Amino acid sequence: MADVKYEPVPHDHEAFLKKALKRKEFRKAYEDLKEEYTLTREMLSARSRLGLTQEAVAGLMGTTKSAVSRLEAVRKHAPSLTTLKKYAQAVGCRLEIKLVPNSRLTKCSTRTAKKQAAG
C-alpha cells in the first residue's frame, strides 16, 4: 500500500455560512434551527473546556455514549430538562434557561394576542 499522509481539508465556516445564507431556503432552515445550533455549540464547548469525551460525560450522567452523541447532535431530538441538567452538571455547569422578549412584539400586539387567547 502507498504511504498516505492525512491532510485535513481547510474549511472556513464563516465564509461558508455567509455564502449559504444568501440562499432563501437555507436561511429559513438555519433560522428555524438557530436555538438548537446555539445549544449544541454551548454543550460541545463546555465538554471541551473540561477535556471530557462523550464516554466520560455518559459515565457521569449514568447513560451511554450513544445517548450523549444524540444529545449533542442537532436533530429533531428534544431532550428533557432533567437530561439537560444532568449534562450540564457532568460538564461542570448549571443549566440556565431564559425567556427573552421578542423585539418585534409591541404592547399592542401582545394585547391582541391575549384577547385572541381569551376567546
N, C-alpha and C. Protein backbone atom coordinates (compact mmCIF):
# COMPACT_ATOMS: atom_id res chain seq x y z
N MET A 1 0.83 -1.20 0.00
CA MET A 1 0.00 0.00 0.00
C MET A 1 0.87 1.25 0.00
N ALA A 2 0.34 2.29 -0.60
CA ALA A 2 1.06 3.56 -0.62
C ALA A 2 0.98 4.21 0.75
N ASP A 3 2.03 4.95 1.06
CA ASP A 3 2.07 5.66 2.34
C ASP A 3 1.22 6.92 2.20
N VAL A 4 0.08 6.95 2.87
CA VAL A 4 -0.86 8.06 2.75
C VAL A 4 -0.75 8.93 3.99
N LYS A 5 -0.54 10.21 3.77
CA LYS A 5 -0.44 11.16 4.88
C LYS A 5 -1.77 11.91 5.00
N TYR A 6 -2.26 12.00 6.24
CA TYR A 6 -3.51 12.71 6.48
C TYR A 6 -3.29 14.21 6.35
N GLU A 7 -4.10 14.84 5.53
CA GLU A 7 -4.07 16.29 5.40
C GLU A 7 -5.50 16.79 5.49
N PRO A 8 -5.83 17.50 6.57
CA PRO A 8 -7.21 17.98 6.72
C PRO A 8 -7.57 18.96 5.60
N VAL A 9 -8.82 18.91 5.22
CA VAL A 9 -9.32 19.83 4.19
C VAL A 9 -9.63 21.15 4.88
N PRO A 10 -9.07 22.24 4.40
CA PRO A 10 -9.36 23.53 5.04
C PRO A 10 -10.84 23.89 4.87
N HIS A 11 -11.41 24.45 5.92
CA HIS A 11 -12.82 24.84 5.87
C HIS A 11 -13.01 26.13 6.64
N ASP A 12 -13.48 27.14 5.96
CA ASP A 12 -13.77 28.43 6.58
C ASP A 12 -15.28 28.47 6.81
N HIS A 13 -15.70 28.12 8.03
CA HIS A 13 -17.13 28.02 8.31
C HIS A 13 -17.83 29.36 8.14
N GLU A 14 -17.20 30.43 8.58
CA GLU A 14 -17.83 31.76 8.46
C GLU A 14 -18.07 32.12 7.00
N ALA A 15 -17.10 31.85 6.14
CA ALA A 15 -17.27 32.14 4.71
C ALA A 15 -18.36 31.27 4.10
N PHE A 16 -18.38 29.98 4.49
CA PHE A 16 -19.41 29.08 4.01
C PHE A 16 -20.79 29.59 4.41
N LEU A 17 -20.93 29.95 5.68
CA LEU A 17 -22.21 30.40 6.20
C LEU A 17 -22.67 31.69 5.52
N LYS A 18 -21.75 32.61 5.35
CA LYS A 18 -22.07 33.88 4.69
C LYS A 18 -22.62 33.64 3.28
N LYS A 19 -21.99 32.74 2.55
CA LYS A 19 -22.42 32.42 1.20
C LYS A 19 -23.76 31.67 1.21
N ALA A 20 -23.86 30.69 2.10
CA ALA A 20 -25.07 29.86 2.16
C ALA A 20 -26.29 30.66 2.60
N LEU A 21 -26.11 31.63 3.48
CA LEU A 21 -27.24 32.41 3.98
C LEU A 21 -27.86 33.31 2.92
N LYS A 22 -27.18 33.45 1.79
CA LYS A 22 -27.75 34.22 0.69
C LYS A 22 -28.89 33.46 0.01
N ARG A 23 -28.92 32.13 0.20
CA ARG A 23 -29.99 31.31 -0.36
C ARG A 23 -31.18 31.33 0.60
N LYS A 24 -32.32 31.73 0.08
CA LYS A 24 -33.53 31.89 0.90
C LYS A 24 -33.89 30.63 1.67
N GLU A 25 -33.87 29.48 1.01
CA GLU A 25 -34.27 28.23 1.66
C GLU A 25 -33.31 27.86 2.79
N PHE A 26 -32.01 28.05 2.54
CA PHE A 26 -31.02 27.75 3.57
C PHE A 26 -31.19 28.68 4.75
N ARG A 27 -31.36 29.97 4.47
CA ARG A 27 -31.51 30.97 5.54
C ARG A 27 -32.69 30.64 6.43
N LYS A 28 -33.82 30.23 5.83
CA LYS A 28 -35.00 29.87 6.63
C LYS A 28 -34.72 28.64 7.48
N ALA A 29 -34.13 27.62 6.89
CA ALA A 29 -33.82 26.39 7.64
C ALA A 29 -32.85 26.69 8.77
N TYR A 30 -31.86 27.53 8.50
CA TYR A 30 -30.87 27.89 9.51
C TYR A 30 -31.52 28.66 10.66
N GLU A 31 -32.37 29.61 10.32
CA GLU A 31 -33.06 30.39 11.35
C GLU A 31 -33.99 29.51 12.19
N ASP A 32 -34.64 28.54 11.54
CA ASP A 32 -35.54 27.63 12.25
C ASP A 32 -34.80 26.79 13.28
N LEU A 33 -33.52 26.52 13.04
CA LEU A 33 -32.73 25.68 13.94
C LEU A 33 -31.69 26.47 14.75
N LYS A 34 -31.79 27.78 14.74
CA LYS A 34 -30.79 28.63 15.38
C LYS A 34 -30.58 28.28 16.86
N GLU A 35 -31.66 28.11 17.60
CA GLU A 35 -31.53 27.80 19.03
C GLU A 35 -30.86 26.45 19.24
N GLU A 36 -31.21 25.47 18.40
CA GLU A 36 -30.60 24.14 18.53
C GLU A 36 -29.10 24.20 18.28
N TYR A 37 -28.70 24.93 17.22
CA TYR A 37 -27.28 25.07 16.93
C TYR A 37 -26.55 25.79 18.06
N THR A 38 -27.16 26.81 18.62
CA THR A 38 -26.55 27.54 19.73
C THR A 38 -26.37 26.63 20.93
N LEU A 39 -27.39 25.87 21.28
CA LEU A 39 -27.30 24.95 22.41
C LEU A 39 -26.21 23.91 22.17
N THR A 40 -26.17 23.36 20.97
CA THR A 40 -25.16 22.35 20.66
C THR A 40 -23.75 22.92 20.79
N ARG A 41 -23.53 24.14 20.27
CA ARG A 41 -22.21 24.78 20.41
C ARG A 41 -21.85 24.97 21.88
N GLU A 42 -22.81 25.38 22.70
CA GLU A 42 -22.57 25.57 24.13
C GLU A 42 -22.19 24.24 24.79
N MET A 43 -22.90 23.19 24.45
CA MET A 43 -22.64 21.88 25.04
C MET A 43 -21.24 21.39 24.67
N LEU A 44 -20.91 21.46 23.39
CA LEU A 44 -19.60 21.00 22.94
C LEU A 44 -18.47 21.83 23.54
N SER A 45 -18.70 23.11 23.66
CA SER A 45 -17.69 23.99 24.25
C SER A 45 -17.46 23.66 25.72
N ALA A 46 -18.53 23.43 26.46
CA ALA A 46 -18.42 23.10 27.89
C ALA A 46 -17.69 21.78 28.07
N ARG A 47 -18.01 20.79 27.25
CA ARG A 47 -17.35 19.49 27.36
C ARG A 47 -15.88 19.61 27.00
N SER A 48 -15.59 20.39 25.98
CA SER A 48 -14.22 20.59 25.52
C SER A 48 -13.36 21.31 26.57
N ARG A 49 -13.96 22.30 27.25
CA ARG A 49 -13.22 23.04 28.29
C ARG A 49 -12.68 22.10 29.37
N LEU A 50 -13.44 21.05 29.67
CA LEU A 50 -13.01 20.10 30.69
C LEU A 50 -12.20 18.95 30.10
N GLY A 51 -12.09 18.91 28.78
CA GLY A 51 -11.34 17.84 28.13
C GLY A 51 -12.00 16.49 28.26
N LEU A 52 -13.32 16.47 28.33
CA LEU A 52 -14.05 15.22 28.51
C LEU A 52 -14.46 14.62 27.17
N THR A 53 -14.47 13.31 27.11
CA THR A 53 -15.00 12.61 25.95
C THR A 53 -16.50 12.39 26.16
N GLN A 54 -17.19 12.03 25.09
CA GLN A 54 -18.61 11.69 25.23
C GLN A 54 -18.77 10.52 26.19
N GLU A 55 -17.85 9.58 26.13
CA GLU A 55 -17.91 8.41 27.01
C GLU A 55 -17.80 8.83 28.48
N ALA A 56 -16.90 9.78 28.77
CA ALA A 56 -16.73 10.26 30.14
C ALA A 56 -17.99 10.97 30.63
N VAL A 57 -18.57 11.81 29.77
CA VAL A 57 -19.80 12.52 30.13
C VAL A 57 -20.92 11.51 30.36
N ALA A 58 -20.99 10.50 29.51
CA ALA A 58 -22.02 9.47 29.66
C ALA A 58 -21.89 8.79 31.02
N GLY A 59 -20.66 8.47 31.43
CA GLY A 59 -20.44 7.86 32.73
C GLY A 59 -20.90 8.74 33.87
N LEU A 60 -20.62 10.03 33.76
CA LEU A 60 -21.03 10.98 34.80
C LEU A 60 -22.55 11.15 34.84
N MET A 61 -23.19 11.00 33.69
CA MET A 61 -24.65 11.14 33.61
C MET A 61 -25.38 9.85 33.92
N GLY A 62 -24.66 8.75 33.89
CA GLY A 62 -25.31 7.45 34.09
C GLY A 62 -26.07 7.00 32.85
N THR A 63 -25.49 7.28 31.68
CA THR A 63 -26.12 6.89 30.42
C THR A 63 -25.07 6.32 29.49
N THR A 64 -25.39 6.23 28.22
CA THR A 64 -24.46 5.65 27.25
C THR A 64 -23.84 6.73 26.38
N LYS A 65 -22.72 6.38 25.75
CA LYS A 65 -22.04 7.30 24.83
C LYS A 65 -22.96 7.67 23.68
N SER A 66 -23.73 6.69 23.17
CA SER A 66 -24.62 6.98 22.05
C SER A 66 -25.72 7.97 22.45
N ALA A 67 -26.16 7.91 23.71
CA ALA A 67 -27.17 8.88 24.18
C ALA A 67 -26.58 10.28 24.22
N VAL A 68 -25.33 10.40 24.65
CA VAL A 68 -24.67 11.72 24.68
C VAL A 68 -24.45 12.21 23.25
N SER A 69 -24.10 11.31 22.35
CA SER A 69 -23.92 11.68 20.96
C SER A 69 -25.21 12.23 20.37
N ARG A 70 -26.33 11.57 20.64
CA ARG A 70 -27.63 12.06 20.15
C ARG A 70 -27.97 13.42 20.78
N LEU A 71 -27.63 13.57 22.05
CA LEU A 71 -27.92 14.82 22.77
C LEU A 71 -27.14 15.99 22.17
N GLU A 72 -25.90 15.72 21.72
CA GLU A 72 -25.05 16.77 21.17
C GLU A 72 -25.28 17.03 19.68
N ALA A 73 -26.19 16.31 19.08
CA ALA A 73 -26.46 16.45 17.64
C ALA A 73 -27.69 17.34 17.43
N VAL A 74 -27.64 18.13 16.37
CA VAL A 74 -28.79 18.97 16.02
C VAL A 74 -29.72 18.12 15.17
N ARG A 75 -30.79 17.68 15.79
CA ARG A 75 -31.78 16.85 15.11
C ARG A 75 -33.15 17.22 15.65
N LYS A 76 -34.09 16.34 15.39
CA LYS A 76 -35.43 16.56 15.92
C LYS A 76 -35.58 15.95 17.29
N HIS A 77 -34.46 15.70 17.94
CA HIS A 77 -34.46 15.15 19.29
C HIS A 77 -34.69 16.29 20.27
N ALA A 78 -35.65 16.14 21.16
CA ALA A 78 -35.95 17.19 22.14
C ALA A 78 -35.68 16.63 23.54
N PRO A 79 -34.48 16.88 24.08
CA PRO A 79 -34.16 16.34 25.40
C PRO A 79 -34.98 17.01 26.49
N SER A 80 -35.20 16.28 27.56
CA SER A 80 -35.95 16.83 28.69
C SER A 80 -35.05 17.78 29.48
N LEU A 81 -35.67 18.61 30.31
CA LEU A 81 -34.90 19.49 31.18
C LEU A 81 -34.02 18.68 32.13
N THR A 82 -34.55 17.56 32.61
CA THR A 82 -33.78 16.70 33.50
C THR A 82 -32.50 16.23 32.82
N THR A 83 -32.60 15.82 31.57
CA THR A 83 -31.43 15.35 30.82
C THR A 83 -30.44 16.49 30.62
N LEU A 84 -30.94 17.66 30.25
CA LEU A 84 -30.05 18.81 30.06
C LEU A 84 -29.36 19.21 31.37
N LYS A 85 -30.08 19.11 32.49
CA LYS A 85 -29.48 19.41 33.79
C LYS A 85 -28.37 18.41 34.11
N LYS A 86 -28.61 17.13 33.83
CA LYS A 86 -27.59 16.10 34.08
C LYS A 86 -26.35 16.36 33.22
N TYR A 87 -26.56 16.72 31.97
CA TYR A 87 -25.44 17.02 31.08
C TYR A 87 -24.66 18.22 31.62
N ALA A 88 -25.39 19.27 31.97
CA ALA A 88 -24.74 20.48 32.49
C ALA A 88 -23.89 20.16 33.72
N GLN A 89 -24.44 19.39 34.63
CA GLN A 89 -23.70 19.02 35.84
C GLN A 89 -22.47 18.19 35.48
N ALA A 90 -22.60 17.28 34.53
CA ALA A 90 -21.48 16.43 34.12
C ALA A 90 -20.33 17.24 33.54
N VAL A 91 -20.63 18.37 32.89
CA VAL A 91 -19.58 19.19 32.28
C VAL A 91 -19.25 20.41 33.13
N GLY A 92 -19.62 20.35 34.41
CA GLY A 92 -19.24 21.41 35.34
C GLY A 92 -19.99 22.71 35.17
N CYS A 93 -21.22 22.63 34.73
CA CYS A 93 -22.03 23.83 34.51
C CYS A 93 -23.37 23.69 35.21
N ARG A 94 -24.14 24.76 35.16
CA ARG A 94 -25.52 24.71 35.59
C ARG A 94 -26.36 25.16 34.40
N LEU A 95 -27.55 24.63 34.31
CA LEU A 95 -28.43 24.97 33.20
C LEU A 95 -29.17 26.26 33.52
N GLU A 96 -29.17 27.17 32.57
CA GLU A 96 -29.89 28.44 32.75
C GLU A 96 -30.76 28.64 31.52
N ILE A 97 -32.05 28.79 31.75
CA ILE A 97 -32.99 28.98 30.65
C ILE A 97 -33.64 30.35 30.81
N LYS A 98 -33.73 31.09 29.73
CA LYS A 98 -34.30 32.43 29.78
C LYS A 98 -35.39 32.57 28.74
N LEU A 99 -36.37 33.37 29.06
CA LEU A 99 -37.34 33.82 28.07
C LEU A 99 -36.96 35.25 27.73
N VAL A 100 -36.58 35.48 26.50
CA VAL A 100 -36.12 36.78 26.06
C VAL A 100 -37.22 37.44 25.25
N PRO A 101 -37.64 38.63 25.64
CA PRO A 101 -38.71 39.31 24.90
C PRO A 101 -38.36 39.46 23.42
N ASN A 102 -39.33 39.19 22.59
CA ASN A 102 -39.18 39.33 21.16
C ASN A 102 -39.30 40.81 20.82
N SER A 103 -38.29 41.37 20.22
CA SER A 103 -38.28 42.81 19.93
C SER A 103 -39.34 43.19 18.91
N ARG A 104 -39.86 42.22 18.15
CA ARG A 104 -40.88 42.54 17.15
C ARG A 104 -42.25 42.76 17.77
N LEU A 105 -42.45 42.22 18.96
CA LEU A 105 -43.77 42.37 19.60
C LEU A 105 -43.88 43.72 20.29
N THR A 106 -45.03 44.31 20.15
CA THR A 106 -45.30 45.56 20.85
C THR A 106 -46.38 45.29 21.88
N LYS A 107 -46.63 46.24 22.75
CA LYS A 107 -47.69 46.07 23.74
C LYS A 107 -49.03 45.88 23.05
N CYS A 108 -49.24 46.55 21.95
CA CYS A 108 -50.49 46.44 21.21
C CYS A 108 -50.66 45.02 20.68
N SER A 109 -49.62 44.47 20.06
CA SER A 109 -49.74 43.12 19.51
C SER A 109 -49.86 42.09 20.62
N THR A 110 -49.27 42.35 21.78
CA THR A 110 -49.39 41.44 22.92
C THR A 110 -50.81 41.44 23.44
N ARG A 111 -51.43 42.63 23.53
CA ARG A 111 -52.82 42.73 23.96
C ARG A 111 -53.73 41.97 23.00
N THR A 112 -53.48 42.12 21.71
CA THR A 112 -54.28 41.43 20.70
C THR A 112 -54.16 39.94 20.88
N ALA A 113 -52.95 39.44 21.11
CA ALA A 113 -52.72 38.01 21.29
C ALA A 113 -53.46 37.52 22.55
N LYS A 114 -53.45 38.31 23.62
CA LYS A 114 -54.15 37.93 24.85
C LYS A 114 -55.65 37.85 24.60
N LYS A 115 -56.20 38.81 23.86
CA LYS A 115 -57.63 38.81 23.54
C LYS A 115 -58.00 37.57 22.74
N GLN A 116 -57.16 37.24 21.76
CA GLN A 116 -57.41 36.06 20.92
C GLN A 116 -57.36 34.79 21.75
N ALA A 117 -56.43 34.72 22.67
CA ALA A 117 -56.29 33.52 23.52
C ALA A 117 -57.48 33.38 24.46
N ALA A 118 -58.02 34.53 24.91
CA ALA A 118 -59.17 34.50 25.83
C ALA A 118 -60.46 34.10 25.12
N GLY A 119 -60.47 34.25 23.81
CA GLY A 119 -61.65 33.82 23.05
C GLY A 119 -62.54 34.93 22.78
